[in-house]
Protein backbone atom coordinates (compact mmCIF):
# COMPACT_ATOMS: atom_id res chain seq x y z
CA MET A 1 155.57 -28.52 -64.37
CA ASN A 2 153.36 -31.43 -65.86
CA GLN A 3 151.40 -32.93 -63.14
CA ARG A 4 152.45 -36.66 -64.24
CA ASN A 5 156.26 -35.45 -64.36
CA ILE A 6 157.93 -37.95 -61.92
CA PHE A 7 159.88 -34.89 -60.19
CA HIS A 8 156.87 -32.76 -59.37
CA GLN A 9 155.34 -35.79 -57.94
CA TYR A 10 158.26 -36.06 -55.83
CA LEU A 11 158.00 -32.49 -54.66
CA ASN A 12 154.90 -32.57 -53.49
CA ASN A 13 154.86 -35.83 -51.82
CA LEU A 14 152.46 -38.19 -54.80
CA LEU A 15 154.82 -40.85 -55.46
CA SER A 16 154.28 -44.16 -53.58
CA PRO A 17 157.01 -44.83 -50.67
CA GLU A 18 158.43 -47.28 -53.29
CA LYS A 19 158.65 -44.76 -55.94
CA LYS A 20 160.40 -42.47 -54.12
CA ARG A 21 162.75 -44.82 -52.76
CA LEU A 22 164.16 -45.38 -56.09
CA LEU A 23 164.16 -41.58 -57.02
CA ASP A 24 166.22 -41.21 -53.84
CA ASP A 25 168.30 -43.60 -54.69
CA PHE A 26 168.74 -42.31 -58.42
CA PHE A 27 169.79 -39.23 -56.36
CA GLU A 28 172.40 -40.75 -54.17
CA ILE A 29 173.78 -42.69 -56.69
CA GLU A 30 174.22 -39.43 -59.03
CA THR A 31 175.43 -37.32 -56.04
CA SER A 32 177.97 -39.89 -55.26
CA LYS A 33 179.63 -39.25 -58.69
CA ILE A 34 179.36 -35.19 -58.21
CA ASN A 35 181.02 -35.77 -54.81
CA GLN A 36 183.80 -37.87 -56.96
CA TRP A 37 184.66 -34.29 -58.44
CA ASN A 38 188.33 -34.20 -59.78
CA GLU A 39 189.57 -30.39 -59.50
CA HIS A 40 192.98 -31.00 -61.12
CA GLN A 41 191.29 -32.59 -64.42
CA MET A 42 188.07 -30.66 -64.56
CA GLY A 43 188.56 -27.44 -63.07
CA ASN A 44 186.93 -25.51 -60.15
CA LYS A 45 183.65 -27.53 -59.42
CA GLU A 46 182.22 -24.00 -58.35
CA ASP A 47 183.18 -21.91 -61.57
CA VAL A 48 182.30 -24.60 -63.96
CA SER A 49 178.79 -24.68 -62.34
CA ASP A 50 178.73 -21.00 -62.58
CA LYS A 51 179.43 -21.52 -66.48
CA ILE A 52 177.47 -23.68 -66.94
CA TRP A 53 174.26 -22.40 -65.01
CA SER A 54 174.75 -19.33 -67.07
CA LYS A 55 174.42 -20.87 -70.37
CA ILE A 56 171.63 -22.71 -69.55
CA SER A 57 169.88 -19.57 -67.87
CA LYS A 58 170.09 -17.46 -71.09
CA LYS A 59 168.67 -19.88 -72.80
CA ALA A 60 165.91 -21.13 -70.82
CA HIS A 61 165.56 -16.81 -69.46
CA LEU A 62 166.03 -18.15 -65.78
CA ALA A 63 167.45 -16.33 -62.87
CA LYS A 64 170.50 -17.83 -60.86
CA PRO A 65 168.67 -17.26 -56.78
CA ARG A 66 171.28 -15.21 -54.70
CA LYS A 67 170.01 -17.60 -51.91
CA ARG A 68 170.29 -21.49 -51.56
CA THR A 69 166.35 -21.79 -50.56
CA LEU A 70 165.71 -24.70 -52.22
CA SER A 71 165.19 -28.86 -50.56
CA PRO A 72 168.29 -30.89 -49.96
CA SER A 73 166.73 -33.24 -52.36
CA LEU A 74 165.90 -30.62 -55.52
CA GLU A 75 169.79 -29.11 -54.59
CA VAL A 76 170.54 -32.13 -56.38
CA ALA A 77 168.53 -33.04 -59.13
CA ALA A 78 169.44 -28.91 -60.16
CA ALA A 79 173.39 -29.87 -59.78
CA ILE A 80 172.52 -33.23 -61.47
CA LEU A 81 170.73 -31.57 -64.22
CA ILE A 82 173.53 -29.14 -64.85
CA LEU A 83 175.77 -32.32 -65.29
CA ILE A 84 173.80 -33.97 -67.41
CA PHE A 85 173.40 -31.07 -69.61
CA ALA A 86 177.40 -29.96 -69.69
CA GLY A 87 177.57 -33.94 -71.03
CA LEU A 88 180.31 -34.28 -68.06
CA PHE A 89 178.83 -37.76 -66.66
CA LEU A 90 182.18 -39.75 -68.44
CA LEU A 91 184.37 -37.84 -66.12
CA LEU A 92 182.82 -38.02 -62.93
CA LYS A 93 182.98 -42.13 -63.74
CA SER A 94 186.29 -41.22 -63.60
CA HIS A 95 188.77 -42.09 -60.32
CA ASP A 96 191.97 -40.63 -61.53
CA GLN A 97 194.43 -40.97 -58.60
CA THR A 98 197.40 -39.37 -60.84
CA SER A 99 199.80 -36.36 -59.75
CA THR A 100 203.01 -35.38 -59.95
CA ASN A 101 203.98 -37.20 -56.38
CA PRO A 102 201.82 -40.79 -56.69
CA ILE A 103 201.21 -42.42 -53.36
CA PRO A 104 202.29 -45.59 -53.45
CA TRP A 105 200.87 -48.78 -52.77
CA GLN A 106 201.15 -51.62 -50.24
CA THR A 107 199.78 -55.52 -51.55
CA TYR A 108 198.56 -58.03 -49.06
CA GLN A 109 198.28 -61.50 -50.45
CA THR A 110 197.25 -64.35 -48.44
CA VAL A 111 198.49 -68.29 -49.66
CA PRO A 112 196.15 -71.03 -49.13
CA SER A 113 194.90 -71.92 -44.98
CA GLN A 114 196.22 -68.75 -44.40
CA LYS A 115 193.90 -65.51 -43.12
CA SER A 116 195.18 -62.07 -42.18
CA THR A 117 193.66 -59.18 -40.20
CA ILE A 118 194.65 -55.55 -42.40
CA ASN A 119 193.86 -52.32 -40.21
CA LEU A 120 194.22 -49.57 -43.11
CA PRO A 121 195.62 -45.80 -42.86
CA ASP A 122 191.93 -45.01 -42.19
CA GLY A 123 190.85 -46.86 -39.23
CA SER A 124 189.27 -49.45 -41.46
CA ILE A 125 189.62 -53.23 -41.21
CA VAL A 126 189.97 -56.30 -43.74
CA ILE A 127 189.71 -59.93 -42.75
CA LEU A 128 191.29 -61.10 -45.96
CA ASN A 129 190.73 -64.86 -47.03
CA ALA A 130 192.76 -67.19 -47.56
CA GLY A 131 194.04 -66.97 -51.74
CA SER A 132 193.34 -63.88 -51.98
CA SER A 133 194.88 -60.34 -52.11
CA LEU A 134 194.18 -56.58 -50.94
CA SER A 135 196.05 -53.31 -52.57
CA HIS A 136 195.54 -50.02 -51.02
CA PRO A 137 198.14 -46.58 -50.94
CA ILE A 138 200.21 -46.37 -48.06
CA ASP A 139 197.97 -43.21 -47.06
CA PHE A 140 194.43 -41.94 -48.03
CA LYS A 141 194.72 -38.81 -49.86
CA GLY A 142 192.48 -36.57 -52.15
CA ASP A 143 188.91 -37.18 -52.11
CA ILE A 144 188.36 -40.87 -51.87
CA ARG A 145 189.80 -43.92 -50.14
CA GLN A 146 190.63 -46.35 -52.89
CA VAL A 147 191.56 -50.20 -52.20
CA THR A 148 191.36 -53.03 -55.03
CA LEU A 149 190.14 -56.82 -53.98
CA LYS A 150 190.78 -60.27 -55.47
CA GLY A 151 189.80 -63.26 -53.97
CA GLU A 152 187.49 -62.51 -50.12
CA ALA A 153 187.55 -60.16 -47.67
CA PHE A 154 185.15 -59.06 -45.12
CA PHE A 155 185.59 -55.01 -44.54
CA LYS A 156 184.57 -52.80 -41.26
CA VAL A 157 184.93 -49.22 -42.84
CA ALA A 158 185.70 -46.62 -41.15
CA PRO A 159 183.01 -43.42 -41.20
CA ASP A 160 184.24 -40.63 -43.31
CA LYS A 161 181.02 -38.35 -45.01
CA ASP A 162 183.75 -36.43 -46.66
CA LYS A 163 186.05 -39.42 -48.38
CA PRO A 164 184.27 -42.17 -50.03
CA PHE A 165 185.83 -45.56 -49.55
CA ILE A 166 185.66 -47.20 -53.12
CA VAL A 167 186.54 -51.52 -53.55
CA SER A 168 187.41 -52.30 -56.88
CA CYS A 169 186.78 -55.71 -58.20
CA LYS A 170 187.06 -57.41 -61.73
CA ASP A 171 182.95 -57.35 -62.08
CA PHE A 172 182.12 -54.07 -60.02
CA SER A 173 183.17 -51.64 -57.33
CA THR A 174 181.35 -50.50 -54.09
CA GLN A 175 181.26 -47.28 -52.56
CA VAL A 176 180.66 -46.55 -48.71
CA LEU A 177 181.11 -43.94 -46.46
CA GLY A 178 180.93 -46.28 -43.22
CA THR A 179 179.94 -49.68 -42.84
CA SER A 180 180.06 -53.38 -42.99
CA PHE A 181 180.06 -55.70 -45.70
CA HIS A 182 181.54 -58.98 -46.96
CA ILE A 183 183.03 -59.49 -51.06
CA THR A 184 184.11 -62.63 -52.60
CA THR A 185 184.87 -62.64 -56.50
CA PHE A 186 186.08 -66.96 -55.75
CA PRO A 187 185.00 -68.67 -59.21
CA GLU A 188 182.70 -71.41 -57.07
CA ASP A 189 180.63 -68.01 -55.66
CA GLY A 190 180.59 -65.48 -58.25
CA ALA A 191 181.07 -61.67 -57.81
CA MET A 192 178.98 -61.34 -54.91
CA ILE A 193 178.87 -58.17 -52.48
CA THR A 194 177.17 -58.96 -48.49
CA VAL A 195 176.03 -55.80 -46.58
CA HIS A 196 175.75 -56.41 -42.59
CA GLU A 197 175.62 -52.31 -41.72
CA GLY A 198 174.49 -49.19 -43.44
CA LYS A 199 173.91 -49.28 -47.14
CA VAL A 200 176.77 -49.88 -50.20
CA LEU A 201 176.07 -48.29 -53.64
CA VAL A 202 177.60 -50.83 -56.36
CA GLN A 203 178.45 -50.22 -59.67
CA GLN A 204 179.43 -52.95 -61.84
CA ALA A 205 181.94 -52.84 -64.58
CA THR A 206 180.95 -52.16 -68.54
CA ASN A 207 179.82 -55.35 -70.24
CA ASN A 208 181.72 -55.90 -72.95
CA ILE A 209 178.50 -57.07 -75.09
CA THR A 210 175.98 -54.10 -74.18
CA GLY A 211 178.85 -51.38 -73.15
CA LYS A 212 176.27 -50.41 -70.04
CA GLY A 213 177.05 -51.57 -66.60
CA SER A 214 174.16 -51.55 -63.86
CA GLU A 215 174.19 -49.55 -60.69
CA LEU A 216 172.43 -50.53 -57.47
CA ILE A 217 172.33 -49.27 -53.74
CA LEU A 218 171.54 -51.97 -51.11
CA TYR A 219 170.86 -51.61 -47.62
CA ALA A 220 171.54 -53.69 -44.51
CA ASN A 221 170.38 -57.36 -44.73
CA GLU A 222 170.96 -57.21 -48.59
CA ALA A 223 172.93 -58.53 -51.34
CA ALA A 224 173.77 -58.77 -55.23
CA LYS A 225 175.53 -60.78 -57.27
CA SER A 226 177.21 -59.81 -60.72
CA ASN A 227 175.49 -62.04 -63.70
CA VAL A 228 177.87 -61.49 -66.11
CA GLU A 229 175.29 -63.56 -69.01
CA LEU A 230 172.66 -61.03 -68.03
CA GLY A 231 175.15 -57.83 -67.97
CA LYS A 232 173.56 -56.66 -64.57
CA LEU A 233 173.39 -56.86 -61.25
CA ILE A 234 170.65 -59.06 -59.12
CA ARG A 235 169.62 -58.01 -55.84
CA LYS A 236 169.04 -61.03 -53.19
CA ASP A 237 168.39 -61.45 -49.55
CA ALA A 238 171.56 -61.58 -47.67
CA LYS A 239 173.09 -65.03 -46.03
CA LEU A 240 174.81 -62.68 -43.11
CA VAL A 241 176.49 -65.58 -41.44
CA GLU A 242 176.91 -68.00 -43.83
CA SER A 243 178.88 -65.00 -46.15
CA ILE A 244 181.87 -64.85 -43.12
CA ALA A 245 181.62 -68.66 -41.50
CA TRP A 246 184.87 -68.71 -43.28
CA ILE A 247 186.37 -66.42 -40.57
CA ASN A 248 185.25 -69.10 -38.00
CA GLY A 249 186.92 -71.95 -40.31
CA GLU A 250 183.26 -72.82 -40.97
CA VAL A 251 181.82 -74.18 -44.07
CA TYR A 252 177.56 -73.69 -45.48
CA MET A 253 176.75 -76.42 -47.74
CA ASN A 254 173.70 -75.56 -49.03
CA ASP A 255 173.17 -78.04 -52.45
CA MET A 256 176.59 -77.34 -52.73
CA SER A 257 178.58 -79.27 -55.46
CA ILE A 258 181.16 -81.18 -54.36
CA GLY A 259 183.63 -79.60 -56.88
CA GLU A 260 182.49 -76.23 -55.17
CA LEU A 261 183.27 -77.47 -51.80
CA THR A 262 186.75 -79.36 -52.56
CA GLU A 263 187.41 -75.80 -54.37
CA VAL A 264 186.58 -73.69 -50.78
CA LEU A 265 188.86 -76.72 -48.74
CA ALA A 266 191.40 -76.85 -51.12
CA ARG A 267 192.09 -72.96 -49.97
CA MET A 268 190.67 -72.88 -46.41
CA HIS A 269 193.22 -76.12 -45.76
CA GLY A 270 195.97 -76.15 -48.32
CA VAL A 271 195.41 -78.92 -49.84
CA VAL A 272 194.56 -81.01 -53.23
CA PHE A 273 191.83 -82.88 -54.77
CA THR A 274 191.65 -85.56 -57.38
CA PHE A 275 188.96 -87.81 -58.57
CA GLU A 276 188.64 -91.24 -59.51
CA THR A 277 185.52 -90.31 -61.64
CA PRO A 278 185.20 -86.70 -63.00
CA THR A 279 181.44 -86.80 -62.77
CA LEU A 280 181.97 -87.28 -58.12
CA ARG A 281 182.39 -83.54 -58.60
CA ASP A 282 178.90 -83.00 -59.90
CA CYS A 283 177.78 -84.50 -56.39
CA HIS A 284 175.43 -82.69 -54.35
CA ILE A 285 176.03 -81.76 -50.20
CA SER A 286 173.56 -80.06 -48.05
CA GLY A 287 175.08 -79.30 -44.28
CA LYS A 288 177.52 -77.22 -42.01
CA LEU A 289 180.99 -78.15 -42.15
CA GLY A 290 181.91 -76.48 -38.47
CA LYS A 291 185.76 -75.39 -37.59
CA MET A 292 187.67 -79.07 -38.24
CA SER A 293 190.99 -80.71 -39.30
CA ILE A 294 190.80 -81.72 -42.79
CA ARG A 295 190.61 -85.42 -41.88
CA GLN A 296 187.68 -85.07 -40.08
CA ALA A 297 186.04 -83.02 -43.02
CA MET A 298 186.92 -85.65 -45.41
CA GLU A 299 184.92 -88.24 -42.71
CA VAL A 300 181.93 -86.45 -42.67
CA ILE A 301 181.79 -85.83 -46.28
CA SER A 302 182.89 -89.66 -47.08
CA SER A 303 180.28 -90.67 -45.01
CA THR A 304 177.27 -88.38 -46.00
CA MET A 305 178.57 -89.10 -49.70
CA SER A 306 179.08 -92.44 -49.59
CA LEU A 307 182.82 -91.87 -50.98
CA GLU A 308 185.98 -93.45 -50.34
CA TYR A 309 189.32 -90.91 -49.90
CA THR A 310 192.69 -91.56 -49.43
CA ILE A 311 195.06 -88.96 -47.86
CA HIS A 312 198.99 -88.79 -48.91
CA LYS A 313 200.37 -85.87 -47.65
CA ARG A 314 198.56 -82.35 -48.85
CA ARG A 315 197.12 -84.82 -51.61
CA ILE A 316 193.38 -85.89 -50.70
CA HIS A 317 192.03 -88.61 -53.29
CA PHE A 318 187.99 -89.09 -54.00
CA SER A 319 186.66 -92.48 -54.84
CA GLY A 320 183.71 -94.09 -55.51
CA LYS A 321 180.78 -94.38 -57.66
CA PRO A 322 178.97 -91.60 -59.26
CA CYS A 323 175.85 -90.09 -57.73
CA LEU A 324 172.99 -89.97 -59.69
CA ILE A 325 172.27 -86.75 -61.38
CA PRO A 326 168.51 -85.78 -61.92
């Protein structure tokens, strides 16, 4: 084997720690696809593997070893190569859960000012933010535990190494075995995931322009944001406390526009905001709103930004001079 080959360098511990981690991540991503094998759709995995190996060995004059003596990483690499030669990756990405007796799904939906704690069939816990929805099968049968999220939620996933937990959103899907993480898909935040414990595999939805989607493995204290324009996931440092402040009724404002802030408060308190001057939405504010009533929050915002407001039932109207935009 060519000594410059990356697999040769990996097996002989010649790679830098960063390159080794990248290759380990690659193995883990591809292994996750192998673990998602749909036997009903693709046949028995061992039989298919034997047939593929037989065809490859005839061309390469190889003999299949009777006993497995490969290291775990090399076994994974071999399995990946077999699957690549077979052209099965497109099938492995499919999470078809159809059967002759499909399992009914259940949907939870929260309205503005309402949060909900959901206990899933496997013991996982989901805290669903206001204005969000979560759908899941009434029972997790089969090889995966799959749910669908719209909006925002915090997940505490029950460990099960034999049955990955997959969260499907509009912009990406997240796969874990057992960990805790936060996902938001609200427009003012952009689709984003923050990992609190463990690690997750994030796979972005296929981009309409490039026809491709990126993949990342995130570890604890890491986050990723979906960039629709670039068509890829961007790794970021996590802001753990800020990401789940909504659970305690708090809001962190890091150079947040008034327009974005009112979207958050409207969802949190079930109110509607209007502006005398549309450009008021573009003013920016920083700080923190602790757990407080909507009227108390308006007092903080109005005094900080020199704005005026009126409240009539559940409608709040802002007025005042537009701020200076640099």
